[in-house]
Amino acid sequence: MSFASARGWLTTLGTATARPAAFAIFLLYGIAWIVFGNGLEWHSFATLATWGMTLLIQRAEHRDTQAIHAKLDELLKASGHPHLMEVDDKDAEEVEQQREFVQRGH
């Protein structure tokens, strides 16, 4: 696996954790852990609570990010710069390079 494909895979995984299916998988895993593991001991509860809160935070951040992007896309269209919307399709490292290029004044 190349470094570029790993970055794409990690981005996809990060987006997938913000989907409702991630919560369903988390619930099924938690039930299986409680039923087939040692029950709901304090460390099991703490681990499941941490994972659950991580998913909730990821979901909230993803929703906020998508709302900001939708608003920015509208502003870019209205200002006559729709080509800038393509930045969303790039990896994080490519976006950083793009920002550095713009900050240097092209």
N, C-alpha and C. Protein backbone atom coordinates (compact mmCIF):
# COMPACT_ATOMS: atom_id res chain seq x y z
N MET A 1 0.85 -1.17 0.00
CA MET A 1 0.00 0.00 0.00
C MET A 1 0.90 1.24 0.00
N SER A 2 0.64 2.14 -0.92
CA SER A 2 1.44 3.36 -1.01
C SER A 2 0.97 4.36 0.05
N PHE A 3 1.84 5.35 0.26
CA PHE A 3 1.53 6.39 1.25
C PHE A 3 0.30 7.17 0.84
N ALA A 4 0.16 7.47 -0.45
CA ALA A 4 -1.00 8.23 -0.93
C ALA A 4 -2.30 7.45 -0.73
N SER A 5 -2.27 6.14 -1.00
CA SER A 5 -3.49 5.36 -0.80
C SER A 5 -3.82 5.22 0.68
N ALA A 6 -2.80 5.19 1.53
CA ALA A 6 -3.04 5.13 2.98
C ALA A 6 -3.71 6.41 3.46
N ARG A 7 -3.27 7.55 2.94
CA ARG A 7 -3.89 8.83 3.32
C ARG A 7 -5.35 8.86 2.89
N GLY A 8 -5.64 8.40 1.68
CA GLY A 8 -7.02 8.36 1.21
C GLY A 8 -7.87 7.42 2.04
N TRP A 9 -7.30 6.28 2.39
CA TRP A 9 -8.02 5.30 3.21
C TRP A 9 -8.31 5.87 4.59
N LEU A 10 -7.35 6.57 5.19
CA LEU A 10 -7.56 7.16 6.50
C LEU A 10 -8.62 8.26 6.46
N THR A 11 -8.64 9.03 5.38
CA THR A 11 -9.67 10.06 5.23
C THR A 11 -11.05 9.42 5.13
N THR A 12 -11.14 8.35 4.35
CA THR A 12 -12.41 7.64 4.21
C THR A 12 -12.85 7.05 5.54
N LEU A 13 -11.91 6.49 6.28
CA LEU A 13 -12.23 5.92 7.60
C LEU A 13 -12.72 7.01 8.55
N GLY A 14 -12.07 8.16 8.54
CA GLY A 14 -12.50 9.26 9.39
C GLY A 14 -13.90 9.73 9.07
N THR A 15 -14.22 9.79 7.79
CA THR A 15 -15.57 10.18 7.38
C THR A 15 -16.59 9.11 7.77
N ALA A 16 -16.20 7.85 7.64
CA ALA A 16 -17.11 6.75 7.97
C ALA A 16 -17.47 6.74 9.45
N THR A 17 -16.56 7.18 10.31
CA THR A 17 -16.85 7.18 11.74
C THR A 17 -17.89 8.22 12.11
N ALA A 18 -18.19 9.13 11.20
CA ALA A 18 -19.22 10.15 11.46
C ALA A 18 -20.59 9.72 10.96
N ARG A 19 -20.70 8.55 10.40
CA ARG A 19 -21.96 8.05 9.84
C ARG A 19 -22.75 7.30 10.91
N PRO A 20 -24.08 7.24 10.77
CA PRO A 20 -24.90 6.49 11.73
C PRO A 20 -24.53 5.00 11.81
N ALA A 21 -24.02 4.44 10.73
CA ALA A 21 -23.62 3.03 10.76
C ALA A 21 -22.52 2.78 11.78
N ALA A 22 -21.67 3.77 12.02
CA ALA A 22 -20.60 3.62 13.02
C ALA A 22 -21.20 3.43 14.41
N PHE A 23 -22.29 4.13 14.69
CA PHE A 23 -22.96 3.98 15.99
C PHE A 23 -23.57 2.59 16.12
N ALA A 24 -24.14 2.08 15.03
CA ALA A 24 -24.72 0.74 15.06
C ALA A 24 -23.63 -0.31 15.32
N ILE A 25 -22.51 -0.17 14.65
CA ILE A 25 -21.39 -1.10 14.87
C ILE A 25 -20.90 -1.00 16.30
N PHE A 26 -20.79 0.23 16.81
CA PHE A 26 -20.36 0.44 18.19
C PHE A 26 -21.32 -0.24 19.18
N LEU A 27 -22.61 -0.08 18.96
CA LEU A 27 -23.60 -0.71 19.85
C LEU A 27 -23.51 -2.23 19.80
N LEU A 28 -23.41 -2.79 18.60
CA LEU A 28 -23.28 -4.25 18.47
C LEU A 28 -22.00 -4.75 19.15
N TYR A 29 -20.92 -4.04 18.96
CA TYR A 29 -19.66 -4.42 19.59
C TYR A 29 -19.77 -4.34 21.11
N GLY A 30 -20.39 -3.26 21.60
CA GLY A 30 -20.56 -3.10 23.04
C GLY A 30 -21.41 -4.20 23.65
N ILE A 31 -22.49 -4.57 22.97
CA ILE A 31 -23.35 -5.66 23.46
C ILE A 31 -22.59 -6.97 23.46
N ALA A 32 -21.85 -7.23 22.39
CA ALA A 32 -21.05 -8.47 22.32
C ALA A 32 -19.99 -8.50 23.42
N TRP A 33 -19.38 -7.36 23.71
CA TRP A 33 -18.35 -7.29 24.74
C TRP A 33 -18.97 -7.61 26.11
N ILE A 34 -20.15 -7.04 26.36
CA ILE A 34 -20.80 -7.27 27.65
C ILE A 34 -21.27 -8.72 27.77
N VAL A 35 -21.85 -9.27 26.72
CA VAL A 35 -22.40 -10.63 26.76
C VAL A 35 -21.31 -11.69 26.79
N PHE A 36 -20.33 -11.57 25.92
CA PHE A 36 -19.31 -12.60 25.79
C PHE A 36 -18.04 -12.32 26.59
N GLY A 37 -17.91 -11.11 27.09
CA GLY A 37 -16.73 -10.74 27.87
C GLY A 37 -16.98 -10.95 29.36
N ASN A 38 -16.47 -10.03 30.14
CA ASN A 38 -16.59 -10.11 31.60
C ASN A 38 -17.78 -9.31 32.13
N GLY A 39 -18.74 -9.04 31.31
CA GLY A 39 -19.88 -8.24 31.75
C GLY A 39 -19.52 -6.77 31.71
N LEU A 40 -20.23 -5.99 32.46
CA LEU A 40 -20.01 -4.54 32.46
C LEU A 40 -19.22 -4.14 33.70
N GLU A 41 -17.94 -4.45 33.70
CA GLU A 41 -17.07 -4.02 34.79
C GLU A 41 -16.69 -2.57 34.55
N TRP A 42 -16.05 -1.95 35.54
CA TRP A 42 -15.77 -0.52 35.44
C TRP A 42 -14.87 -0.19 34.26
N HIS A 43 -13.87 -1.03 34.00
CA HIS A 43 -12.96 -0.72 32.88
C HIS A 43 -13.66 -0.93 31.53
N SER A 44 -14.56 -1.89 31.45
CA SER A 44 -15.33 -2.09 30.23
C SER A 44 -16.24 -0.90 29.98
N PHE A 45 -16.90 -0.45 31.03
CA PHE A 45 -17.79 0.71 30.91
C PHE A 45 -16.99 1.95 30.50
N ALA A 46 -15.83 2.16 31.11
CA ALA A 46 -15.01 3.33 30.79
C ALA A 46 -14.55 3.30 29.33
N THR A 47 -14.14 2.13 28.86
CA THR A 47 -13.70 2.01 27.47
C THR A 47 -14.84 2.26 26.51
N LEU A 48 -15.99 1.65 26.75
CA LEU A 48 -17.14 1.85 25.88
C LEU A 48 -17.62 3.30 25.90
N ALA A 49 -17.60 3.91 27.07
CA ALA A 49 -18.00 5.32 27.18
C ALA A 49 -17.05 6.22 26.38
N THR A 50 -15.76 5.92 26.46
CA THR A 50 -14.78 6.71 25.71
C THR A 50 -14.99 6.57 24.21
N TRP A 51 -15.19 5.35 23.74
CA TRP A 51 -15.44 5.12 22.32
C TRP A 51 -16.72 5.81 21.87
N GLY A 52 -17.76 5.70 22.67
CA GLY A 52 -19.03 6.33 22.33
C GLY A 52 -18.92 7.84 22.25
N MET A 53 -18.24 8.45 23.20
CA MET A 53 -18.07 9.90 23.19
C MET A 53 -17.21 10.33 22.00
N THR A 54 -16.22 9.53 21.66
CA THR A 54 -15.39 9.84 20.49
C THR A 54 -16.23 9.86 19.23
N LEU A 55 -17.12 8.90 19.08
CA LEU A 55 -18.01 8.88 17.91
C LEU A 55 -18.95 10.08 17.91
N LEU A 56 -19.48 10.45 19.06
CA LEU A 56 -20.37 11.61 19.14
C LEU A 56 -19.64 12.90 18.77
N ILE A 57 -18.43 13.05 19.26
CA ILE A 57 -17.64 14.24 18.94
C ILE A 57 -17.31 14.28 17.45
N GLN A 58 -16.91 13.13 16.90
CA GLN A 58 -16.59 13.05 15.47
C GLN A 58 -17.81 13.42 14.64
N ARG A 59 -18.97 12.94 15.03
CA ARG A 59 -20.21 13.23 14.30
C ARG A 59 -20.51 14.73 14.33
N ALA A 60 -20.39 15.35 15.50
CA ALA A 60 -20.68 16.78 15.63
C ALA A 60 -19.69 17.61 14.82
N GLU A 61 -18.42 17.26 14.87
CA GLU A 61 -17.42 18.01 14.11
C GLU A 61 -17.65 17.85 12.61
N HIS A 62 -18.00 16.65 12.18
CA HIS A 62 -18.25 16.41 10.76
C HIS A 62 -19.45 17.23 10.27
N ARG A 63 -20.50 17.27 11.07
CA ARG A 63 -21.69 18.05 10.71
C ARG A 63 -21.33 19.53 10.60
N ASP A 64 -20.59 20.05 11.59
CA ASP A 64 -20.20 21.46 11.56
C ASP A 64 -19.32 21.77 10.35
N THR A 65 -18.40 20.89 10.07
CA THR A 65 -17.50 21.09 8.92
C THR A 65 -18.27 21.10 7.61
N GLN A 66 -19.21 20.18 7.47
CA GLN A 66 -20.00 20.13 6.24
C GLN A 66 -20.87 21.38 6.09
N ALA A 67 -21.41 21.89 7.19
CA ALA A 67 -22.21 23.12 7.13
C ALA A 67 -21.35 24.30 6.71
N ILE A 68 -20.16 24.41 7.25
CA ILE A 68 -19.25 25.49 6.89
C ILE A 68 -18.88 25.40 5.41
N HIS A 69 -18.58 24.19 4.95
CA HIS A 69 -18.22 24.00 3.54
C HIS A 69 -19.38 24.37 2.61
N ALA A 70 -20.59 24.03 2.99
CA ALA A 70 -21.75 24.38 2.15
C ALA A 70 -21.89 25.90 2.05
N LYS A 71 -21.69 26.59 3.16
CA LYS A 71 -21.79 28.04 3.15
C LYS A 71 -20.67 28.66 2.32
N LEU A 72 -19.47 28.16 2.49
CA LEU A 72 -18.34 28.69 1.73
C LEU A 72 -18.51 28.42 0.23
N ASP A 73 -19.03 27.25 -0.11
CA ASP A 73 -19.27 26.95 -1.53
C ASP A 73 -20.23 27.96 -2.15
N GLU A 74 -21.28 28.32 -1.42
CA GLU A 74 -22.22 29.32 -1.92
C GLU A 74 -21.54 30.67 -2.11
N LEU A 75 -20.70 31.05 -1.15
CA LEU A 75 -19.99 32.33 -1.26
C LEU A 75 -19.02 32.31 -2.44
N LEU A 76 -18.34 31.21 -2.64
CA LEU A 76 -17.39 31.11 -3.76
C LEU A 76 -18.12 31.17 -5.10
N LYS A 77 -19.27 30.51 -5.20
CA LYS A 77 -20.06 30.59 -6.43
C LYS A 77 -20.51 32.02 -6.69
N ALA A 78 -21.01 32.68 -5.65
CA ALA A 78 -21.52 34.04 -5.80
C ALA A 78 -20.41 35.04 -6.14
N SER A 79 -19.20 34.78 -5.66
CA SER A 79 -18.10 35.72 -5.90
C SER A 79 -17.39 35.45 -7.23
N GLY A 80 -17.78 34.40 -7.93
CA GLY A 80 -17.18 34.12 -9.22
C GLY A 80 -15.90 33.31 -9.15
N HIS A 81 -15.68 32.58 -8.07
CA HIS A 81 -14.49 31.74 -7.91
C HIS A 81 -14.87 30.28 -7.64
N PRO A 82 -15.69 29.67 -8.48
CA PRO A 82 -16.12 28.29 -8.21
C PRO A 82 -14.99 27.27 -8.29
N HIS A 83 -13.88 27.62 -8.98
CA HIS A 83 -12.76 26.69 -9.09
C HIS A 83 -12.12 26.39 -7.72
N LEU A 84 -12.29 27.29 -6.76
CA LEU A 84 -11.72 27.08 -5.43
C LEU A 84 -12.44 25.98 -4.65
N MET A 85 -13.66 25.62 -5.09
CA MET A 85 -14.40 24.56 -4.40
C MET A 85 -13.73 23.20 -4.59
N GLU A 86 -12.87 23.07 -5.58
CA GLU A 86 -12.18 21.80 -5.83
C GLU A 86 -11.17 21.46 -4.75
N VAL A 87 -10.81 22.42 -3.92
CA VAL A 87 -9.85 22.18 -2.84
C VAL A 87 -10.37 21.10 -1.90
N ASP A 88 -11.68 21.00 -1.74
CA ASP A 88 -12.28 20.01 -0.85
C ASP A 88 -11.96 18.58 -1.26
N ASP A 89 -11.65 18.37 -2.53
CA ASP A 89 -11.40 17.02 -3.03
C ASP A 89 -9.94 16.58 -2.83
N LYS A 90 -9.11 17.44 -2.29
CA LYS A 90 -7.69 17.14 -2.12
C LYS A 90 -7.41 16.58 -0.73
N ASP A 91 -6.28 15.90 -0.60
CA ASP A 91 -5.83 15.43 0.71
C ASP A 91 -5.37 16.62 1.55
N ALA A 92 -5.29 16.40 2.86
CA ALA A 92 -4.92 17.47 3.79
C ALA A 92 -3.56 18.08 3.43
N GLU A 93 -2.62 17.25 3.03
CA GLU A 93 -1.28 17.74 2.70
C GLU A 93 -1.31 18.64 1.46
N GLU A 94 -2.15 18.27 0.49
CA GLU A 94 -2.28 19.09 -0.72
C GLU A 94 -2.96 20.42 -0.40
N VAL A 95 -3.91 20.41 0.52
CA VAL A 95 -4.57 21.65 0.92
C VAL A 95 -3.57 22.57 1.61
N GLU A 96 -2.71 22.00 2.47
CA GLU A 96 -1.69 22.81 3.14
C GLU A 96 -0.75 23.45 2.12
N GLN A 97 -0.36 22.69 1.11
CA GLN A 97 0.50 23.25 0.06
C GLN A 97 -0.21 24.37 -0.69
N GLN A 98 -1.48 24.18 -0.96
CA GLN A 98 -2.27 25.20 -1.65
C GLN A 98 -2.34 26.47 -0.82
N ARG A 99 -2.55 26.33 0.49
CA ARG A 99 -2.61 27.50 1.38
C ARG A 99 -1.29 28.24 1.40
N GLU A 100 -0.18 27.50 1.49
CA GLU A 100 1.14 28.13 1.50
C GLU A 100 1.37 28.90 0.19
N PHE A 101 0.96 28.31 -0.92
CA PHE A 101 1.10 28.96 -2.23
C PHE A 101 0.31 30.26 -2.28
N VAL A 102 -0.91 30.24 -1.78
CA VAL A 102 -1.76 31.45 -1.79
C VAL A 102 -1.20 32.50 -0.83
N GLN A 103 -0.72 32.06 0.34
CA GLN A 103 -0.20 33.01 1.32
C GLN A 103 1.07 33.70 0.82
N ARG A 104 1.85 33.00 -0.01
CA ARG A 104 3.07 33.61 -0.57
C ARG A 104 2.74 34.62 -1.68
N GLY A 105 1.49 34.65 -2.09
CA GLY A 105 1.09 35.60 -3.12
C GLY A 105 1.18 35.01 -4.51
N HIS A 106 1.04 33.68 -4.61
CA HIS A 106 1.07 32.93 -5.88
C HIS A 106 2.46 32.87 -6.31
